[in-house]
Amino acid sequence: MVAGFVGSLLGLGGGVIVVPVLTAGLGYSIRHVIGASLVSVIATSSGAAVAYVRDRLTNLRIAMFLEVATASGALVGAYVSSLMPVRGLYLVFGALLLYSAYGMFQRRHLEGAGRVAESRWARRLGLEGSYYDDAGHRVVSYRAGRLAGGFAVMGAAGALSGVLGIGSGVFKVLGMDMVMGLPIKVSTATSNFMIGVTAAAGAGVHFARGNVDPTLAAPVALGVLLGAWAGSKLLPRLRGRAVRYVFVPILVYMAAEMLWKGIVGT
């Protein structure tokens, strides 16, 4: 439930919590844990999707636009994974996450994502939206900026997922928040939708290989689904700065984990 709650609140999926708990904590094999983790990501996305779409926090048009870059990057990453220096990638992206945590901490008082250059392509593609902010009691309107930069970040996030076999929700949130200038709530809700689409493709492959154990995946999915439902009820009532305060420690934790893997070579 904690994995689903945090995953739906921050747009990360539940894998960041499910994988270490099931492997290091309960001793399950990594092969079955990856299958269960993908199922938990789908459960997190599904559990929160209805509420976020209804509340207009998820921007489906932006999600589909960016998913093209993520899926393309994942395919390229999977293809070249054997040629890439994995330890070096862990170190580079760990340092990048640490820098991003510092940047988001500096922006901790912002309700939105700050000013970014307006993109004429965003206007032509209709990459804009609005939602009613329950916490601020006002309608928040926004438009995506820096499309090229956001598209590149999503491609890199997909490639990272393909090379290292990890979820890329954190990079999706950072790309939408810090590069494209979307409100943090829209960034986490849209990322939550995108990771479900990506995980569904991966889960199909793992299911065909027999890596999805129903006796493990089913209870994990049920708990995550309940947590995701609770998280989807809380997010609309939180201020953007509160989401950032929760996001920063998660970034630091993930940065430390990636740097450690880069150093010890696991």
Foldseek 3Di string as FASTA:
>chain_A
DQLLQLCLQQLFFSLVPQQCCVCVNVNDDNLLSLLLSLLRLLLSLVLQQVLCVVQVLADVLVLVVLLVLLQLLLVVLLVCLVVDDLLVVLLVVLVVLLVLLVVLVVVLVDLWQDDDDADPVQVVSVQWDWGQQQQVRGIDTDTWPPVVQLSVLSSNLNSCCNNVVGHSLLSQLCSRRHPGGGGSSSSSSNSSNNSSVVSVVVSVVSVVVVSHDCVSNVVSSVVSSVSSNVNSVCNSNDGSSVSSVVVSVVSNVSSVVSNVCSVVVD
